[in-house]
PDB file of N, CA and C in Angstrom:
ATOM      1  N   GLU A   1       0.826  -1.180   0.024  1.00  0.00           N
ATOM      2  CA  GLU A   1      -0.038   0.011   0.008  1.00  0.00           C
ATOM      3  C   GLU A   1       0.897   1.255  -0.004  1.00  0.00           C
ATOM      4  N   GLY A   2       0.322   2.349   0.464  1.00  0.00           N
ATOM      5  CA  GLY A   2       1.053   3.611   0.516  1.00  0.00           C
ATOM      6  C   GLY A   2       0.779   4.460  -0.710  1.00  0.00           C
ATOM      7  N   VAL A   3       1.223   5.677  -0.690  1.00  0.00           N
ATOM      8  CA  VAL A   3       1.002   6.594  -1.799  1.00  0.00           C
ATOM      9  C   VAL A   3       2.273   7.429  -2.009  1.00  0.00           C
ATOM     10  N   VAL A   4       2.407   7.927  -3.236  1.00  0.00           N
ATOM     11  CA  VAL A   4       3.492   8.898  -3.543  1.00  0.00           C
ATOM     12  C   VAL A   4       2.893  10.251  -3.375  1.00  0.00           C
ATOM     13  N   VAL A   5       3.497  11.107  -2.511  1.00  0.00           N
ATOM     14  CA  VAL A   5       3.020  12.422  -2.300  1.00  0.00           C
ATOM     15  C   VAL A   5       3.820  13.365  -3.173  1.00  0.00           C
ATOM     16  N   HIS A   6       3.095  14.186  -3.958  1.00  0.00           N
ATOM     17  CA  HIS A   6       3.725  15.056  -4.916  1.00  0.00           C
ATOM     18  C   HIS A   6       3.843  16.472  -4.378  1.00  0.00           C
ATOM     19  N   ASP A   7       2.903  16.864  -3.504  1.00  0.00           N
ATOM     20  CA  ASP A   7       2.924  18.248  -3.003  1.00  0.00           C
ATOM     21  C   ASP A   7       2.056  18.329  -1.735  1.00  0.00           C
ATOM     22  N   VAL A   8       2.389  19.288  -0.856  1.00  0.00           N
ATOM     23  CA  VAL A   8       1.621  19.565   0.345  1.00  0.00           C
ATOM     24  C   VAL A   8       1.529  21.062   0.436  1.00  0.00           C
ATOM     25  N   LYS A   9       0.276  21.560   0.562  1.00  0.00           N
ATOM     26  CA  LYS A   9       0.101  23.005   0.786  1.00  0.00           C
ATOM     27  C   LYS A   9      -0.730  23.162   2.041  1.00  0.00           C
ATOM     28  N   VAL A  10      -0.342  24.164   2.813  1.00  0.00           N
ATOM     29  CA  VAL A  10      -1.077  24.430   4.075  1.00  0.00           C
ATOM     30  C   VAL A  10      -1.329  25.916   4.207  1.00  0.00           C
ATOM     31  N   PRO A  11      -2.238  26.409   3.381  1.00  0.00           N
ATOM     32  CA  PRO A  11      -2.557  27.909   3.485  1.00  0.00           C
ATOM     33  C   PRO A  11      -3.262  28.146   4.827  1.00  0.00           C
ATOM     34  N   SER A  12      -2.937  29.342   5.332  1.00  0.00           N
ATOM     35  CA  SER A  12      -3.595  29.816   6.612  1.00  0.00           C
ATOM     36  C   SER A  12      -3.385  31.340   6.715  1.00  0.00           C
ATOM     37  N   ASN A  13      -3.973  31.872   7.757  1.00  0.00           N
ATOM     38  CA  ASN A  13      -3.850  33.278   7.975  1.00  0.00           C
ATOM     39  C   ASN A  13      -2.514  33.686   8.593  1.00  0.00           C
ATOM     40  N   ASN A  14      -1.884  32.735   9.289  1.00  0.00           N
ATOM     41  CA  ASN A  14      -0.675  33.186  10.039  1.00  0.00           C
ATOM     42  C   ASN A  14       0.495  32.172  10.043  1.00  0.00           C
ATOM     43  N   VAL A  15       0.406  31.094   9.358  1.00  0.00           N
ATOM     44  CA  VAL A  15       1.497  30.116   9.383  1.00  0.00           C
ATOM     45  C   VAL A  15       2.621  30.578   8.424  1.00  0.00           C
ATOM     46  N   GLU A  16       3.819  30.683   8.949  1.00  0.00           N
ATOM     47  CA  GLU A  16       4.946  31.110   8.186  1.00  0.00           C
ATOM     48  C   GLU A  16       5.888  30.021   7.711  1.00  0.00           C
ATOM     49  N   GLU A  17       6.012  28.953   8.523  1.00  0.00           N
ATOM     50  CA  GLU A  17       6.963  27.855   8.152  1.00  0.00           C
ATOM     51  C   GLU A  17       6.392  26.560   8.691  1.00  0.00           C
ATOM     52  N   ILE A  18       6.524  25.479   7.877  1.00  0.00           N
ATOM     53  CA  ILE A  18       6.094  24.128   8.310  1.00  0.00           C
ATOM     54  C   ILE A  18       7.216  23.177   7.983  1.00  0.00           C
ATOM     55  N   MET A  19       7.098  21.984   8.551  1.00  0.00           N
ATOM     56  CA  MET A  19       8.036  20.885   8.242  1.00  0.00           C
ATOM     57  C   MET A  19       7.184  19.658   8.017  1.00  0.00           C
ATOM     58  N   VAL A  20       7.499  18.937   6.921  1.00  0.00           N
ATOM     59  CA  VAL A  20       6.785  17.705   6.562  1.00  0.00           C
ATOM     60  C   VAL A  20       7.734  16.577   6.605  1.00  0.00           C
ATOM     61  N   SER A  21       7.419  15.551   7.352  1.00  0.00           N
ATOM     62  CA  SER A  21       8.268  14.338   7.363  1.00  0.00           C
ATOM     63  C   SER A  21       7.469  13.139   6.852  1.00  0.00           C
ATOM     64  N   PHE A  22       8.181  12.137   6.287  1.00  0.00           N
ATOM     65  CA  PHE A  22       7.581  10.999   5.655  1.00  0.00           C
ATOM     66  C   PHE A  22       8.149   9.740   6.196  1.00  0.00           C
ATOM     67  N   THR A  23       7.329   8.694   6.246  1.00  0.00           N
ATOM     68  CA  THR A  23       7.770   7.282   6.507  1.00  0.00           C
ATOM     69  C   THR A  23       7.390   6.465   5.342  1.00  0.00           C
ATOM     70  N   THR A  24       8.357   5.750   4.825  1.00  0.00           N
ATOM     71  CA  THR A  24       8.089   4.872   3.659  1.00  0.00           C
ATOM     72  C   THR A  24       7.373   3.590   4.026  1.00  0.00           C
ATOM     73  N   VAL A  25       6.951   2.863   3.036  1.00  0.00           N
ATOM     74  CA  VAL A  25       6.319   1.540   3.220  1.00  0.00           C
ATOM     75  C   VAL A  25       7.220   0.630   3.994  1.00  0.00           C
ATOM     76  N   SER A  26       8.554   0.677   3.725  1.00  0.00           N
ATOM     77  CA  SER A  26       9.476  -0.172   4.377  1.00  0.00           C
ATOM     78  C   SER A  26       9.902   0.305   5.794  1.00  0.00           C
ATOM     79  N   GLY A  27       9.296   1.416   6.225  1.00  0.00           N
ATOM     80  CA  GLY A  27       9.584   1.945   7.536  1.00  0.00           C
ATOM     81  C   GLY A  27      10.759   2.927   7.643  1.00  0.00           C
ATOM     82  N   ASP A  28      11.346   3.279   6.525  1.00  0.00           N
ATOM     83  CA  ASP A  28      12.442   4.308   6.542  1.00  0.00           C
ATOM     84  C   ASP A  28      11.859   5.676   6.742  1.00  0.00           C
ATOM     85  N   HIS A  29      12.572   6.488   7.457  1.00  0.00           N
ATOM     86  CA  HIS A  29      12.182   7.869   7.669  1.00  0.00           C
ATOM     87  C   HIS A  29      12.983   8.776   6.686  1.00  0.00           C
ATOM     88  N   ILE A  30      12.240   9.480   5.899  1.00  0.00           N
ATOM     89  CA  ILE A  30      12.876  10.340   4.896  1.00  0.00           C
ATOM     90  C   ILE A  30      13.198  11.669   5.531  1.00  0.00           C
ATOM     91  N   PRO A  31      14.340  12.310   5.226  1.00  0.00           N
ATOM     92  CA  PRO A  31      14.609  13.624   5.839  1.00  0.00           C
ATOM     93  C   PRO A  31      13.448  14.588   5.582  1.00  0.00           C
ATOM     94  N   ALA A  32      13.137  15.374   6.624  1.00  0.00           N
ATOM     95  CA  ALA A  32      12.027  16.262   6.557  1.00  0.00           C
ATOM     96  C   ALA A  32      12.247  17.384   5.551  1.00  0.00           C
ATOM     97  N   VAL A  33      11.143  17.852   4.981  1.00  0.00           N
ATOM     98  CA  VAL A  33      11.191  18.947   4.047  1.00  0.00           C
ATOM     99  C   VAL A  33      10.605  20.164   4.841  1.00  0.00           C
ATOM    100  N   ARG A  34      11.336  21.269   4.799  1.00  0.00           N
ATOM    101  CA  ARG A  34      10.952  22.427   5.588  1.00  0.00           C
ATOM    102  C   ARG A  34      10.843  23.665   4.666  1.00  0.00           C
ATOM    103  N   GLY A  35       9.806  24.514   4.886  1.00  0.00           N
ATOM    104  CA  GLY A  35       9.693  25.683   4.081  1.00  0.00           C
ATOM    105  C   GLY A  35       8.366  26.390   4.276  1.00  0.00           C
ATOM    106  N   LYS A  36       8.062  27.267   3.323  1.00  0.00           N
ATOM    107  CA  LYS A  36       6.831  28.051   3.395  1.00  0.00           C
ATOM    108  C   LYS A  36       5.636  27.092   3.158  1.00  0.00           C
ATOM    109  N   PRO A  37       4.510  27.342   3.844  1.00  0.00           N
ATOM    110  CA  PRO A  37       3.443  26.418   3.788  1.00  0.00           C
ATOM    111  C   PRO A  37       2.720  26.267   2.437  1.00  0.00           C
ATOM    112  N   THR A  38       2.923  27.231   1.551  1.00  0.00           N
ATOM    113  CA  THR A  38       2.318  27.094   0.214  1.00  0.00           C
ATOM    114  C   THR A  38       3.352  26.931  -0.850  1.00  0.00           C
ATOM    115  N   ALA A  39       4.615  26.783  -0.525  1.00  0.00           N
ATOM    116  CA  ALA A  39       5.643  26.697  -1.508  1.00  0.00           C
ATOM    117  C   ALA A  39       6.796  25.823  -1.016  1.00  0.00           C
ATOM    118  N   LEU A  40       6.469  24.614  -0.666  1.00  0.00           N
ATOM    119  CA  LEU A  40       7.507  23.698  -0.205  1.00  0.00           C
ATOM    120  C   LEU A  40       8.347  23.203  -1.408  1.00  0.00           C
ATOM    121  N   PRO A  41       9.631  22.933  -1.216  1.00  0.00           N
ATOM    122  CA  PRO A  41      10.481  22.451  -2.281  1.00  0.00           C
ATOM    123  C   PRO A  41      10.129  20.990  -2.648  1.00  0.00           C
ATOM    124  N   THR A  42       9.244  20.810  -3.585  1.00  0.00           N
ATOM    125  CA  THR A  42       8.733  19.461  -3.917  1.00  0.00           C
ATOM    126  C   THR A  42       9.792  18.557  -4.478  1.00  0.00           C
ATOM    127  N   ASP A  43      10.892  19.106  -4.975  1.00  0.00           N
ATOM    128  CA  ASP A  43      11.986  18.234  -5.503  1.00  0.00           C
ATOM    129  C   ASP A  43      12.665  17.486  -4.395  1.00  0.00           C
ATOM    130  N   GLN A  44      12.364  17.842  -3.090  1.00  0.00           N
ATOM    131  CA  GLN A  44      12.881  17.131  -1.923  1.00  0.00           C
ATOM    132  C   GLN A  44      11.918  16.091  -1.413  1.00  0.00           C
ATOM    133  N   PHE A  45      10.734  15.968  -2.025  1.00  0.00           N
ATOM    134  CA  PHE A  45       9.749  14.989  -1.587  1.00  0.00           C
ATOM    135  C   PHE A  45      10.230  13.586  -2.010  1.00  0.00           C
ATOM    136  N   PRO A  46       9.972  12.546  -1.312  1.00  0.00           N
ATOM    137  CA  PRO A  46      10.378  11.211  -1.747  1.00  0.00           C
ATOM    138  C   PRO A  46       9.620  10.741  -2.971  1.00  0.00           C
ATOM    139  N   SER A  47      10.278  10.014  -3.791  1.00  0.00           N
ATOM    140  CA  SER A  47       9.590   9.452  -5.012  1.00  0.00           C
ATOM    141  C   SER A  47       9.048   8.051  -4.762  1.00  0.00           C
ATOM    142  N   VAL A  48       9.240   7.556  -3.567  1.00  0.00           N
ATOM    143  CA  VAL A  48       8.701   6.200  -3.179  1.00  0.00           C
ATOM    144  C   VAL A  48       7.405   6.359  -2.380  1.00  0.00           C
ATOM    145  N   LYS A  49       6.723   5.265  -2.277  1.00  0.00           N
ATOM    146  CA  LYS A  49       5.420   5.289  -1.586  1.00  0.00           C
ATOM    147  C   LYS A  49       5.659   5.478  -0.062  1.00  0.00           C
ATOM    148  N   THR A  50       4.805   6.327   0.504  1.00  0.00           N
ATOM    149  CA  THR A  50       4.874   6.600   1.946  1.00  0.00           C
ATOM    150  C   THR A  50       3.545   6.111   2.602  1.00  0.00           C
ATOM    151  N   VAL A  51       3.699   5.752   3.872  1.00  0.00           N
ATOM    152  CA  VAL A  51       2.532   5.309   4.645  1.00  0.00           C
ATOM    153  C   VAL A  51       2.180   6.343   5.804  1.00  0.00           C
ATOM    154  N   GLN A  52       3.154   7.240   6.030  1.00  0.00           N
ATOM    155  CA  GLN A  52       2.859   8.230   7.059  1.00  0.00           C
ATOM    156  C   GLN A  52       3.437   9.556   6.621  1.00  0.00           C
ATOM    157  N   LEU A  53       2.688  10.628   6.890  1.00  0.00           N
ATOM    158  CA  LEU A  53       3.092  11.989   6.632  1.00  0.00           C
ATOM    159  C   LEU A  53       2.769  12.799   7.850  1.00  0.00           C
ATOM    160  N   VAL A  54       3.726  13.523   8.394  1.00  0.00           N
ATOM    161  CA  VAL A  54       3.532  14.329   9.604  1.00  0.00           C
ATOM    162  C   VAL A  54       3.876  15.791   9.205  1.00  0.00           C
ATOM    163  N   ILE A  55       2.887  16.672   9.499  1.00  0.00           N
ATOM    164  CA  ILE A  55       3.071  18.085   9.266  1.00  0.00           C
ATOM    165  C   ILE A  55       3.252  18.836  10.635  1.00  0.00           C
ATOM    166  N   ALA A  56       4.342  19.467  10.745  1.00  0.00           N
ATOM    167  CA  ALA A  56       4.671  20.235  12.019  1.00  0.00           C
ATOM    168  C   ALA A  56       4.672  21.740  11.660  1.00  0.00           C
ATOM    169  N   PHE A  57       3.954  22.495  12.507  1.00  0.00           N
ATOM    170  CA  PHE A  57       3.923  23.934  12.337  1.00  0.00           C
ATOM    171  C   PHE A  57       5.108  24.507  13.108  1.00  0.00           C
ATOM    172  N   ILE A  58       6.124  25.105  12.401  1.00  0.00           N
ATOM    173  CA  ILE A  58       7.306  25.549  12.989  1.00  0.00           C
ATOM    174  C   ILE A  58       7.196  26.978  13.496  1.00  0.00           C
ATOM    175  N   ARG A  59       6.602  27.851  12.718  1.00  0.00           N
ATOM    176  CA  ARG A  59       6.530  29.251  13.073  1.00  0.00           C
ATOM    177  C   ARG A  59       5.303  29.917  12.477  1.00  0.00           C
ATOM    178  N   THR A  60       4.740  30.809  13.301  1.00  0.00           N
ATOM    179  CA  THR A  60       3.610  31.665  12.786  1.00  0.00           C
ATOM    180  C   THR A  60       4.043  33.090  12.764  1.00  0.00           C
ATOM    181  N   THR A  61       3.345  33.904  11.981  1.00  0.00           N
ATOM    182  CA  THR A  61       3.721  35.323  11.863  1.00  0.00           C
ATOM    183  C   THR A  61       3.443  36.122  13.112  1.00  0.00           C
ATOM    184  N   ASP A  62       2.484  35.721  13.906  1.00  0.00           N
ATOM    185  CA  ASP A  62       2.131  36.427  15.109  1.00  0.00           C
ATOM    186  C   ASP A  62       2.374  35.729  16.423  1.00  0.00           C
ATOM    187  N   HIS A  63       3.149  34.630  16.345  1.00  0.00           N
ATOM    188  CA  HIS A  63       3.533  33.854  17.544  1.00  0.00           C
ATOM    189  C   HIS A  63       2.333  33.240  18.287  1.00  0.00           C
ATOM    190  N   ASN A  64       1.211  33.135  17.591  1.00  0.00           N
ATOM    191  CA  ASN A  64       0.022  32.504  18.211  1.00  0.00           C
ATOM    192  C   ASN A  64      -0.193  31.154  17.473  1.00  0.00           C
ATOM    193  N   SER A  65      -1.151  30.399  17.938  1.00  0.00           N
ATOM    194  CA  SER A  65      -1.503  29.133  17.290  1.00  0.00           C
ATOM    195  C   SER A  65      -1.913  29.333  15.872  1.00  0.00           C
ATOM    196  N   PRO A  66      -1.630  28.334  15.008  1.00  0.00           N
ATOM    197  CA  PRO A  66      -2.083  28.453  13.629  1.00  0.00           C
ATOM    198  C   PRO A  66      -3.613  28.603  13.581  1.00  0.00           C
ATOM    199  N   ASN A  67      -4.108  29.480  12.648  1.00  0.00           N
ATOM    200  CA  ASN A  67      -5.519  29.612  12.504  1.00  0.00           C
ATOM    201  C   ASN A  67      -5.940  29.634  11.056  1.00  0.00           C
ATOM    202  N   HIS A  68      -7.203  29.284  10.817  1.00  0.00           N
ATOM    203  CA  HIS A  68      -7.756  29.170   9.500  1.00  0.00           C
ATOM    204  C   HIS A  68      -6.913  28.328   8.537  1.00  0.00           C
ATOM    205  N   VAL A  69      -6.540  27.164   8.999  1.00  0.00           N
ATOM    206  CA  VAL A  69      -5.638  26.298   8.285  1.00  0.00           C
ATOM    207  C   VAL A  69      -6.412  25.340   7.362  1.00  0.00           C
ATOM    208  N   THR A  70      -5.906  25.184   6.144  1.00  0.00           N
ATOM    209  CA  THR A  70      -6.480  24.222   5.186  1.00  0.00           C
ATOM    210  C   THR A  70      -5.272  23.365   4.743  1.00  0.00           C
ATOM    211  N   ILE A  71      -5.480  22.063   4.669  1.00  0.00           N
ATOM    212  CA  ILE A  71      -4.393  21.139   4.252  1.00  0.00           C
ATOM    213  C   ILE A  71      -4.772  20.510   2.938  1.00  0.00           C
ATOM    214  N   SER A  72      -3.840  20.592   1.948  1.00  0.00           N
ATOM    215  CA  SER A  72      -4.002  19.985   0.626  1.00  0.00           C
ATOM    216  C   SER A  72      -2.843  19.128   0.379  1.00  0.00           C
ATOM    217  N   ILE A  73      -3.095  17.801   0.180  1.00  0.00           N
ATOM    218  CA  ILE A  73      -2.042  16.800  -0.131  1.00  0.00           C
ATOM    219  C   ILE A  73      -2.326  16.228  -1.505  1.00  0.00           C
ATOM    220  N   VAL A  74      -1.338  16.332  -2.371  1.00  0.00           N
ATOM    221  CA  VAL A  74      -1.506  15.827  -3.773  1.00  0.00           C
ATOM    222  C   VAL A  74      -0.519  14.689  -3.985  1.00  0.00           C
TER     223      VAL A  74
END
């Protein structure tokens, strides 16, 4: 099973930076991809199938909790 993830976008009112980490079907942990929530460097995404994707909110513009967040995974 598993899926190949091509892009992740996390638009919101105040999220400035996110980190996305992946676990492959074989259990390997791929190095995390870090960047702007709507412009992650997709060339760093794994080309193999993943079974787990974790999105961590690193920084917000106002130092408050993320708000009005939408997650899009392609």
